[in-house]
């Protein structure tokens, strides 16, 4: 455990940030899962609607550094490609 005051404060801040990031990451995964579930059902319109809702969340998480911007781009690209493949 930290002995120095600044290290104790840093530990408190880290814990708060960890919990905030975990919640944000969970929300991100939920949004992506909604798109994937719609794709697996074969519901192209539902998947497209879910993707439109998920894209701003993905971008926001990349902007906050929760995920890397390339990972965000990869998610958006692969999800949209899967929707297009539904035909």
Protein backbone atom coordinates (compact mmCIF):
# COMPACT_ATOMS: atom_id res chain seq x y z
CA UNK A 1 0.00 0.00 0.00
CA UNK A 2 1.14 3.53 -0.73
CA UNK A 3 2.65 5.60 2.09
CA UNK A 4 3.08 8.96 0.35
CA UNK A 5 0.01 11.19 0.13
CA UNK A 6 0.28 11.71 -3.63
CA UNK A 7 0.56 7.95 -4.18
CA UNK A 8 -2.54 7.37 -2.03
CA UNK A 9 -4.46 9.95 -4.06
CA UNK A 10 -3.23 8.36 -7.29
CA UNK A 11 -4.49 4.95 -6.07
CA UNK A 12 -7.94 6.45 -5.33
CA UNK A 13 -8.06 8.11 -8.75
CA UNK A 14 -6.99 4.91 -10.47
CA UNK A 15 -9.79 2.95 -8.82
CA UNK A 16 -12.43 5.52 -9.80
CA UNK A 17 -11.14 5.56 -13.38
CA UNK A 18 -11.01 1.77 -13.51
CA UNK A 19 -14.67 1.49 -12.52
CA UNK A 20 -15.72 4.24 -14.95
CA UNK A 21 -13.79 2.59 -17.79
CA UNK A 22 -15.26 -0.82 -16.97
CA UNK A 23 -18.79 0.58 -17.21
CA UNK A 24 -18.04 2.33 -20.47
CA UNK A 25 -16.43 -0.81 -21.93
CA UNK A 26 -19.47 -2.85 -20.89
CA UNK A 27 -21.79 -0.38 -22.64
CA UNK A 28 -19.63 -0.59 -25.76
CA UNK A 29 -19.75 -4.39 -25.80
CA UNK A 30 -23.53 -4.34 -25.31
CA UNK A 31 -23.99 -2.03 -28.30
CA UNK A 32 -21.79 -4.24 -30.48
CA UNK A 33 -23.60 -7.37 -29.28
CA UNK A 34 -26.97 -5.89 -30.28
CA UNK A 35 -25.71 -5.48 -33.85
CA UNK A 36 -24.26 -9.00 -33.93
CA UNK A 37 -27.48 -10.56 -32.58
CA UNK A 38 -29.53 -8.77 -35.25
CA UNK A 39 -27.12 -9.96 -37.95
CA UNK A 40 -27.33 -13.55 -36.73
CA UNK A 41 -31.14 -13.37 -36.82
CA UNK A 42 -30.89 -12.19 -40.41
CA UNK A 43 -32.69 -8.94 -39.57
CA UNK A 44 -30.93 -6.49 -41.90
CA UNK A 45 -33.04 -3.47 -40.95
CA UNK A 46 -32.67 -4.15 -37.23
CA UNK A 47 -28.94 -4.63 -37.62
CA UNK A 48 -28.64 -1.37 -39.54
CA UNK A 49 -30.58 0.48 -36.83
CA UNK A 50 -28.42 -1.07 -34.10
CA UNK A 51 -25.26 -0.11 -36.02
CA UNK A 52 -26.42 3.51 -36.36
CA UNK A 53 -26.87 3.55 -32.57
CA UNK A 54 -23.54 1.78 -31.93
CA UNK A 55 -21.26 3.91 -34.14
CA UNK A 56 -21.36 7.06 -31.95
CA UNK A 57 -20.73 4.93 -28.86
CA UNK A 58 -17.73 3.27 -30.53
CA UNK A 59 -16.36 6.67 -31.61
CA UNK A 60 -16.87 8.12 -28.14
CA UNK A 61 -14.98 5.25 -26.49
CA UNK A 62 -12.12 5.69 -28.96
CA UNK A 63 -12.06 9.42 -28.25
CA UNK A 64 -11.83 8.80 -24.51
CA UNK A 65 -9.06 6.24 -24.93
CA UNK A 66 -11.15 3.30 -23.68
CA UNK A 67 -10.27 1.50 -26.93
CA UNK A 68 -7.72 2.32 -29.63
CA UNK A 69 -9.00 4.28 -32.64
CA UNK A 70 -7.91 1.49 -34.99
CA UNK A 71 -9.95 -1.02 -32.99
CA UNK A 72 -12.95 1.30 -33.26
CA UNK A 73 -12.48 1.54 -37.03
CA UNK A 74 -12.12 -2.23 -37.27
CA UNK A 75 -15.37 -2.83 -35.34
CA UNK A 76 -17.32 -0.37 -37.49
CA UNK A 77 -15.88 -1.78 -40.72
CA UNK A 78 -16.50 -5.43 -39.90
CA UNK A 79 -20.02 -4.86 -38.60
CA UNK A 80 -21.03 -2.84 -41.65
CA UNK A 81 -19.48 -5.45 -43.96
CA UNK A 82 -21.48 -8.20 -42.23
CA UNK A 83 -24.68 -6.19 -42.64
CA UNK A 84 -23.96 -5.64 -46.34
CA UNK A 85 -23.36 -9.38 -46.76
CA UNK A 86 -26.87 -10.15 -45.52
CA UNK A 87 -28.22 -9.10 -48.93
